[in-house]
Amino acid sequence: MELQGGETFFLEERELVNGLYDQIRLGLSSSVPTGNANPPHFIKFNDDSIEEIKIPSGAQTGYNIIGDFTIPDGGVTSIIIDFDVRKSVVEAGNSGQFILKPTLRLIEDANVESIEGTVTGEFEGSLVVYAYNDGEYEEAESEPNADGVVFPNAVTSSNVDSVGNYNLAFLPSGNYDIVVASFDGEGNFQSVVAQESDVELGAGVKLDLNIEISL
């Protein structure tokens, strides 16, 4: 949760045979470290309470992340794993159990750009900015899916901070539809307050896009 707005954490470096790859598996421990009372995988809430996270087949097969990348002969490739918490950590119905779903994005660092800027205008609650592949946004996206996630098909999203800034990081070049939604204090969707269609993001570009709320 601390790695927002393009912030990253270095995970690992390995030597690999050159060629095309299409997935990475993260090995997950099934044992609890000595002296640790918490389960091996858990979610910690703001009130410091702990709930175990179940990872289906995680101990046997690992945590699978799909995405193409190429290791050049004699070269170095940097890979970004983008963890979207709202899609990946879901509550399983009324069971009270939390499940970690394999929804992470895998992107070559050389192929990612960003869209950032400010959102201005009058609104209540909090704002989230969503990026959709051009033409893929529909009004039905504001309805929760089977996991209770709204705007589930967005490529990525960004919370708008207290001074109106947002940062949609790790986007491949292309055209996007940008949607700004407001939420109440309980995190419930209220309304779409602004949209920008067919936003072109060029290769190697950090695009500045300021958005005005239009209610």
C-alpha atoms as a PDB file:
ATOM      1  CA  MET A   1       0.000   0.000   0.000  1.00  0.00           C
ATOM      2  CA  GLU A   2       3.019   2.308   0.446  1.00  0.00           C
ATOM      3  CA  LEU A   3       4.094   1.745  -3.175  1.00  0.00           C
ATOM      4  CA  GLN A   4       1.705   4.163  -4.900  1.00  0.00           C
ATOM      5  CA  GLY A   5       2.128   6.641  -7.743  1.00  0.00           C
ATOM      6  CA  GLY A   6       4.955   4.813  -9.479  1.00  0.00           C
ATOM      7  CA  GLU A   7       6.977   3.956  -6.352  1.00  0.00           C
ATOM      8  CA  THR A   8       8.700   0.545  -6.568  1.00  0.00           C
ATOM      9  CA  PHE A   9      10.585  -1.923  -4.380  1.00  0.00           C
ATOM     10  CA  PHE A  10      13.494  -3.974  -5.762  1.00  0.00           C
ATOM     11  CA  LEU A  11      12.607  -7.643  -5.386  1.00  0.00           C
ATOM     12  CA  GLU A  12      15.200  -9.877  -7.052  1.00  0.00           C
ATOM     13  CA  GLU A  13      17.843 -10.233  -9.765  1.00  0.00           C
ATOM     14  CA  ARG A  14      18.526 -13.461 -11.656  1.00  0.00           C
ATOM     15  CA  GLU A  15      20.509 -14.679 -14.661  1.00  0.00           C
ATOM     16  CA  LEU A  16      18.243 -16.235 -17.305  1.00  0.00           C
ATOM     17  CA  VAL A  17      18.672 -17.771 -20.737  1.00  0.00           C
ATOM     18  CA  ASN A  18      17.936 -15.193 -23.459  1.00  0.00           C
ATOM     19  CA  GLY A  19      14.565 -15.482 -25.192  1.00  0.00           C
ATOM     20  CA  LEU A  20      10.835 -14.781 -24.807  1.00  0.00           C
ATOM     21  CA  TYR A  21       9.087 -15.446 -21.481  1.00  0.00           C
ATOM     22  CA  ASP A  22       5.364 -15.256 -20.717  1.00  0.00           C
ATOM     23  CA  GLN A  23       5.023 -15.610 -16.943  1.00  0.00           C
ATOM     24  CA  ILE A  24       6.689 -15.392 -13.551  1.00  0.00           C
ATOM     25  CA  ARG A  25       5.803 -17.503 -10.529  1.00  0.00           C
ATOM     26  CA  LEU A  26       6.458 -16.189  -7.041  1.00  0.00           C
ATOM     27  CA  GLY A  27       7.263 -18.914  -4.523  1.00  0.00           C
ATOM     28  CA  LEU A  28       5.186 -18.608  -1.362  1.00  0.00           C
ATOM     29  CA  SER A  29       6.071 -19.999   2.038  1.00  0.00           C
ATOM     30  CA  SER A  30       3.475 -22.147   3.797  1.00  0.00           C
ATOM     31  CA  SER A  31       5.253 -22.081   7.169  1.00  0.00           C
ATOM     32  CA  VAL A  32       5.209 -19.477   9.917  1.00  0.00           C
ATOM     33  CA  PRO A  33       8.598 -18.017  10.963  1.00  0.00           C
ATOM     34  CA  THR A  34       9.718 -18.933  14.472  1.00  0.00           C
ATOM     35  CA  GLY A  35       8.369 -16.523  17.063  1.00  0.00           C
ATOM     36  CA  ASN A  36       5.776 -15.052  14.679  1.00  0.00           C
ATOM     37  CA  ALA A  37       2.170 -15.449  15.830  1.00  0.00           C
ATOM     38  CA  ASN A  38       0.718 -14.257  12.518  1.00  0.00           C
ATOM     39  CA  PRO A  39      -0.258 -16.652   9.710  1.00  0.00           C
ATOM     40  CA  PRO A  40       2.224 -16.917   6.791  1.00  0.00           C
ATOM     41  CA  HIS A  41       0.051 -14.651   4.588  1.00  0.00           C
ATOM     42  CA  PHE A  42      -2.242 -12.027   6.053  1.00  0.00           C
ATOM     43  CA  ILE A  43      -3.874  -8.636   5.668  1.00  0.00           C
ATOM     44  CA  LYS A  44      -3.472  -5.997   8.387  1.00  0.00           C
ATOM     45  CA  PHE A  45      -6.209  -3.404   8.784  1.00  0.00           C
ATOM     46  CA  ASN A  46      -5.944   0.181  10.014  1.00  0.00           C
ATOM     47  CA  ASP A  47      -7.075  -0.909  13.487  1.00  0.00           C
ATOM     48  CA  ASP A  48      -4.105  -3.365  13.585  1.00  0.00           C
ATOM     49  CA  SER A  49      -6.385  -6.416  13.364  1.00  0.00           C
ATOM     50  CA  ILE A  50      -5.069  -9.353  11.325  1.00  0.00           C
ATOM     51  CA  GLU A  51      -6.927 -11.679   8.939  1.00  0.00           C
ATOM     52  CA  GLU A  52      -5.335 -14.605   7.122  1.00  0.00           C
ATOM     53  CA  ILE A  53      -5.199 -14.477   3.311  1.00  0.00           C
ATOM     54  CA  LYS A  54      -5.857 -17.752   1.519  1.00  0.00           C
ATOM     55  CA  ILE A  55      -3.869 -18.345  -1.669  1.00  0.00           C
ATOM     56  CA  PRO A  56      -5.445 -21.183  -3.684  1.00  0.00           C
ATOM     57  CA  SER A  57      -2.703 -23.738  -4.526  1.00  0.00           C
ATOM     58  CA  GLY A  58      -0.109 -21.103  -3.592  1.00  0.00           C
ATOM     59  CA  ALA A  59       2.079 -23.443  -1.568  1.00  0.00           C
ATOM     60  CA  GLN A  60       2.133 -25.992  -4.403  1.00  0.00           C
ATOM     61  CA  THR A  61       2.277 -23.922  -7.579  1.00  0.00           C
ATOM     62  CA  GLY A  62       3.252 -20.454  -6.396  1.00  0.00           C
ATOM     63  CA  TYR A  63       1.605 -17.170  -7.326  1.00  0.00           C
ATOM     64  CA  ASN A  64       1.362 -16.947 -11.104  1.00  0.00           C
ATOM     65  CA  ILE A  65       1.781 -13.641 -12.993  1.00  0.00           C
ATOM     66  CA  ILE A  66       1.128 -13.560 -16.757  1.00  0.00           C
ATOM     67  CA  GLY A  67       2.893 -11.172 -19.151  1.00  0.00           C
ATOM     68  CA  ASP A  68       5.349 -11.316 -22.053  1.00  0.00           C
ATOM     69  CA  PHE A  69       8.920 -10.086 -21.736  1.00  0.00           C
ATOM     70  CA  THR A  70      12.179 -10.704 -23.601  1.00  0.00           C
ATOM     71  CA  ILE A  71      15.688 -11.318 -22.271  1.00  0.00           C
ATOM     72  CA  PRO A  72      18.154 -10.132 -24.960  1.00  0.00           C
ATOM     73  CA  ASP A  73      21.399 -11.974 -25.628  1.00  0.00           C
ATOM     74  CA  GLY A  74      23.952 -10.426 -23.274  1.00  0.00           C
ATOM     75  CA  GLY A  75      21.507  -7.762 -22.140  1.00  0.00           C
ATOM     76  CA  VAL A  76      19.442  -6.802 -19.105  1.00  0.00           C
ATOM     77  CA  THR A  77      15.652  -6.587 -18.854  1.00  0.00           C
ATOM     78  CA  SER A  78      13.864  -4.845 -15.989  1.00  0.00           C
ATOM     79  CA  ILE A  79      10.406  -6.175 -15.100  1.00  0.00           C
ATOM     80  CA  ILE A  80       7.703  -4.426 -13.095  1.00  0.00           C
ATOM     81  CA  ILE A  81       5.072  -6.395 -11.187  1.00  0.00           C
ATOM     82  CA  ASP A  82       2.077  -4.123 -10.634  1.00  0.00           C
ATOM     83  CA  PHE A  83      -0.016  -5.216  -7.642  1.00  0.00           C
ATOM     84  CA  ASP A  84      -3.564  -3.806  -7.699  1.00  0.00           C
ATOM     85  CA  VAL A  85      -4.844  -4.443  -4.159  1.00  0.00           C
ATOM     86  CA  ARG A  86      -8.512  -3.744  -4.949  1.00  0.00           C
ATOM     87  CA  LYS A  87      -8.561  -6.535  -7.566  1.00  0.00           C
ATOM     88  CA  SER A  88      -6.179  -8.964  -5.891  1.00  0.00           C
ATOM     89  CA  VAL A  89      -7.430  -9.125  -2.286  1.00  0.00           C
ATOM     90  CA  VAL A  90     -11.123 -10.084  -2.163  1.00  0.00           C
ATOM     91  CA  GLU A  91     -13.478 -11.320   0.519  1.00  0.00           C
ATOM     92  CA  ALA A  92     -15.044 -14.679  -0.342  1.00  0.00           C
ATOM     93  CA  GLY A  93     -18.768 -14.008  -0.075  1.00  0.00           C
ATOM     94  CA  ASN A  94     -20.019 -13.977   3.519  1.00  0.00           C
ATOM     95  CA  SER A  95     -17.401 -16.463   4.706  1.00  0.00           C
ATOM     96  CA  GLY A  96     -15.166 -13.814   6.234  1.00  0.00           C
ATOM     97  CA  GLN A  97     -12.194 -15.354   4.409  1.00  0.00           C
ATOM     98  CA  PHE A  98      -9.882 -13.243   2.263  1.00  0.00           C
ATOM     99  CA  ILE A  99      -8.421 -14.665  -0.943  1.00  0.00           C
ATOM    100  CA  LEU A 100      -5.417 -13.497  -2.976  1.00  0.00           C
ATOM    101  CA  LYS A 101      -6.322 -13.698  -6.655  1.00  0.00           C
ATOM    102  CA  PRO A 102      -3.743 -13.851  -9.499  1.00  0.00           C
ATOM    103  CA  THR A 103      -4.548 -10.463 -11.054  1.00  0.00           C
ATOM    104  CA  LEU A 104      -1.116  -8.812 -11.041  1.00  0.00           C
ATOM    105  CA  ARG A 105       0.255  -7.144 -14.173  1.00  0.00           C
ATOM    106  CA  LEU A 106       3.702  -7.948 -15.566  1.00  0.00           C
ATOM    107  CA  ILE A 107       5.313  -5.219 -17.706  1.00  0.00           C
ATOM    108  CA  GLU A 108       8.777  -4.586 -19.129  1.00  0.00           C
ATOM    109  CA  ASP A 109      10.130  -1.385 -17.582  1.00  0.00           C
ATOM    110  CA  ALA A 110      11.269  -0.090 -20.979  1.00  0.00           C
ATOM    111  CA  ASN A 111       7.682  -0.198 -22.283  1.00  0.00           C
ATOM    112  CA  VAL A 112       5.854   1.755 -19.588  1.00  0.00           C
ATOM    113  CA  GLU A 113       4.787   5.381 -19.486  1.00  0.00           C
ATOM    114  CA  SER A 114       2.492   7.370 -17.166  1.00  0.00           C
ATOM    115  CA  ILE A 115      -0.413   9.810 -17.114  1.00  0.00           C
ATOM    116  CA  GLU A 116      -0.459  12.281 -14.248  1.00  0.00           C
ATOM    117  CA  GLY A 117      -1.930  15.622 -13.333  1.00  0.00           C
ATOM    118  CA  THR A 118      -4.513  17.264 -11.109  1.00  0.00           C
ATOM    119  CA  VAL A 119      -8.281  17.011 -10.723  1.00  0.00           C
ATOM    120  CA  THR A 120     -10.057  20.301  -9.974  1.00  0.00           C
ATOM    121  CA  GLY A 121     -13.663  21.205  -9.158  1.00  0.00           C
ATOM    122  CA  GLU A 122     -16.270  20.745  -6.455  1.00  0.00           C
ATOM    123  CA  PHE A 123     -17.017  17.257  -5.135  1.00  0.00           C
ATOM    124  CA  GLU A 124     -17.884  15.342  -1.969  1.00  0.00           C
ATOM    125  CA  GLY A 125     -15.997  12.353  -0.581  1.00  0.00           C
ATOM    126  CA  SER A 126     -12.872  11.016  -2.289  1.00  0.00           C
ATOM    127  CA  LEU A 127     -11.880  10.588  -5.926  1.00  0.00           C
ATOM    128  CA  VAL A 128     -10.279   7.757  -7.902  1.00  0.00           C
ATOM    129  CA  VAL A 129      -8.984   8.051 -11.478  1.00  0.00           C
ATOM    130  CA  TYR A 130      -9.229   4.955 -13.712  1.00  0.00           C
ATOM    131  CA  ALA A 131      -7.462   4.269 -17.029  1.00  0.00           C
ATOM    132  CA  TYR A 132      -9.220   2.044 -19.588  1.00  0.00           C
ATOM    133  CA  ASN A 133      -7.976   0.817 -22.923  1.00  0.00           C
ATOM    134  CA  ASP A 134      -9.594   3.018 -25.580  1.00  0.00           C
ATOM    135  CA  GLY A 135     -13.243   2.069 -26.157  1.00  0.00           C
ATOM    136  CA  GLU A 136     -13.458  -0.501 -23.317  1.00  0.00           C
ATOM    137  CA  TYR A 137     -15.163   1.638 -20.675  1.00  0.00           C
ATOM    138  CA  GLU A 138     -18.925   1.110 -20.216  1.00  0.00           C
ATOM    139  CA  GLU A 139     -21.344   2.586 -17.676  1.00  0.00           C
ATOM    140  CA  ALA A 140     -21.932  -0.900 -16.246  1.00  0.00           C
ATOM    141  CA  GLU A 141     -18.358  -0.820 -14.927  1.00  0.00           C
ATOM    142  CA  SER A 142     -19.618   1.137 -11.909  1.00  0.00           C
ATOM    143  CA  GLU A 143     -21.635  -1.922 -10.805  1.00  0.00           C
ATOM    144  CA  PRO A 144     -19.767  -4.315  -8.464  1.00  0.00           C
ATOM    145  CA  ASN A 145     -18.680  -7.598 -10.081  1.00  0.00           C
ATOM    146  CA  ALA A 146     -18.859 -11.028  -8.408  1.00  0.00           C
ATOM    147  CA  ASP A 147     -15.942 -10.052  -6.140  1.00  0.00           C
ATOM    148  CA  GLY A 148     -17.532  -6.729  -5.175  1.00  0.00           C
ATOM    149  CA  VAL A 149     -15.021  -4.726  -7.249  1.00  0.00           C
ATOM    150  CA  VAL A 150     -16.199  -1.649  -9.158  1.00  0.00           C
ATOM    151  CA  PHE A 151     -14.508  -0.589 -12.406  1.00  0.00           C
ATOM    152  CA  PRO A 152     -12.947  -4.082 -12.589  1.00  0.00           C
ATOM    153  CA  ASN A 153     -11.652  -3.854 -16.168  1.00  0.00           C
ATOM    154  CA  ALA A 154      -9.585  -0.700 -15.715  1.00  0.00           C
ATOM    155  CA  VAL A 155      -5.935  -1.209 -16.625  1.00  0.00           C
ATOM    156  CA  THR A 156      -4.896   0.699 -13.517  1.00  0.00           C
ATOM    157  CA  SER A 157      -6.169   3.350 -11.110  1.00  0.00           C
ATOM    158  CA  SER A 158      -4.940   6.118  -8.839  1.00  0.00           C
ATOM    159  CA  ASN A 159      -6.353   7.746  -5.726  1.00  0.00           C
ATOM    160  CA  VAL A 160      -6.540  11.524  -5.926  1.00  0.00           C
ATOM    161  CA  ASP A 161      -4.590  13.021  -3.014  1.00  0.00           C
ATOM    162  CA  SER A 162      -5.592  15.898  -0.744  1.00  0.00           C
ATOM    163  CA  VAL A 163      -4.345  18.553  -3.185  1.00  0.00           C
ATOM    164  CA  GLY A 164      -5.886  16.958  -6.283  1.00  0.00           C
ATOM    165  CA  ASN A 165      -2.889  15.087  -7.705  1.00  0.00           C
ATOM    166  CA  TYR A 166      -3.062  11.646  -9.329  1.00  0.00           C
ATOM    167  CA  ASN A 167      -0.551   9.364 -11.090  1.00  0.00           C
ATOM    168  CA  LEU A 168      -1.508   6.496 -13.406  1.00  0.00           C
ATOM    169  CA  ALA A 169       1.809   4.640 -13.545  1.00  0.00           C
ATOM    170  CA  PHE A 170       3.174   1.694 -15.562  1.00  0.00           C
ATOM    171  CA  LEU A 171       0.982   2.103 -18.654  1.00  0.00           C
ATOM    172  CA  PRO A 172       2.041   0.800 -22.080  1.00  0.00           C
ATOM    173  CA  SER A 173       1.885   3.399 -24.852  1.00  0.00           C
ATOM    174  CA  GLY A 174      -1.505   3.593 -26.588  1.00  0.00           C
ATOM    175  CA  ASN A 175      -4.868   5.313 -26.351  1.00  0.00           C
ATOM    176  CA  TYR A 176      -6.884   5.401 -23.121  1.00  0.00           C
ATOM    177  CA  ASP A 177     -10.229   6.500 -21.728  1.00  0.00           C
ATOM    178  CA  ILE A 178      -9.845   8.224 -18.349  1.00  0.00           C
ATOM    179  CA  VAL A 179     -12.701   8.037 -15.833  1.00  0.00           C
ATOM    180  CA  VAL A 180     -12.906   9.925 -12.517  1.00  0.00           C
ATOM    181  CA  ALA A 181     -15.289   8.530  -9.881  1.00  0.00           C
ATOM    182  CA  SER A 182     -16.313   9.817  -6.450  1.00  0.00           C
ATOM    183  CA  PHE A 183     -16.731   7.639  -3.341  1.00  0.00           C
ATOM    184  CA  ASP A 184     -18.273   8.340   0.059  1.00  0.00           C
ATOM    185  CA  GLY A 185     -16.524   8.011   3.419  1.00  0.00           C
ATOM    186  CA  GLU A 186     -17.314   4.275   3.552  1.00  0.00           C
ATOM    187  CA  GLY A 187     -15.722   3.654   0.159  1.00  0.00           C
ATOM    188  CA  ASN A 188     -19.033   3.250  -1.675  1.00  0.00           C
ATOM    189  CA  PHE A 189     -19.254   4.443  -5.289  1.00  0.00           C
ATOM    190  CA  GLN A 190     -21.270   7.639  -5.734  1.00  0.00           C
ATOM    191  CA  SER A 191     -20.935   8.841  -9.317  1.00  0.00           C
ATOM    192  CA  VAL A 192     -18.686   9.398 -12.327  1.00  0.00           C
ATOM    193  CA  VAL A 193     -17.697  13.072 -12.141  1.00  0.00           C
ATOM    194  CA  ALA A 194     -15.431  13.442 -15.207  1.00  0.00           C
ATOM    195  CA  GLN A 195     -14.301  11.585 -18.331  1.00  0.00           C
ATOM    196  CA  GLU A 196     -11.577  12.073 -20.940  1.00  0.00           C
ATOM    197  CA  SER A 197     -11.824   9.943 -24.088  1.00  0.00           C
ATOM    198  CA  ASP A 198      -9.178   8.786 -26.560  1.00  0.00           C
ATOM    199  CA  VAL A 199      -6.198  10.115 -24.601  1.00  0.00           C
ATOM    200  CA  GLU A 200      -3.029   9.341 -26.582  1.00  0.00           C
ATOM    201  CA  LEU A 201      -0.009   8.203 -24.596  1.00  0.00           C
ATOM    202  CA  GLY A 202       3.126   8.051 -26.726  1.00  0.00           C
ATOM    203  CA  ALA A 203       6.166   5.837 -26.208  1.00  0.00           C
ATOM    204  CA  GLY A 204       8.614   7.276 -23.688  1.00  0.00           C
ATOM    205  CA  VAL A 205       6.130   9.949 -22.605  1.00  0.00           C
ATOM    206  CA  LYS A 206       5.082  11.140 -19.163  1.00  0.00           C
ATOM    207  CA  LEU A 207       1.779  12.746 -20.108  1.00  0.00           C
ATOM    208  CA  ASP A 208       0.412  15.675 -18.079  1.00  0.00           C
ATOM    209  CA  LEU A 209      -3.382  15.610 -18.077  1.00  0.00           C
ATOM    210  CA  ASN A 210      -5.329  18.019 -15.864  1.00  0.00           C
ATOM    211  CA  ILE A 211      -8.993  17.133 -15.437  1.00  0.00           C
ATOM    212  CA  GLU A 212     -11.901  19.388 -14.424  1.00  0.00           C
ATOM    213  CA  ILE A 213     -14.937  17.881 -12.726  1.00  0.00           C
ATOM    214  CA  SER A 214     -18.083  18.427 -14.789  1.00  0.00           C
ATOM    215  CA  LEU A 215     -21.229  17.887 -12.709  1.00  0.00           C
END
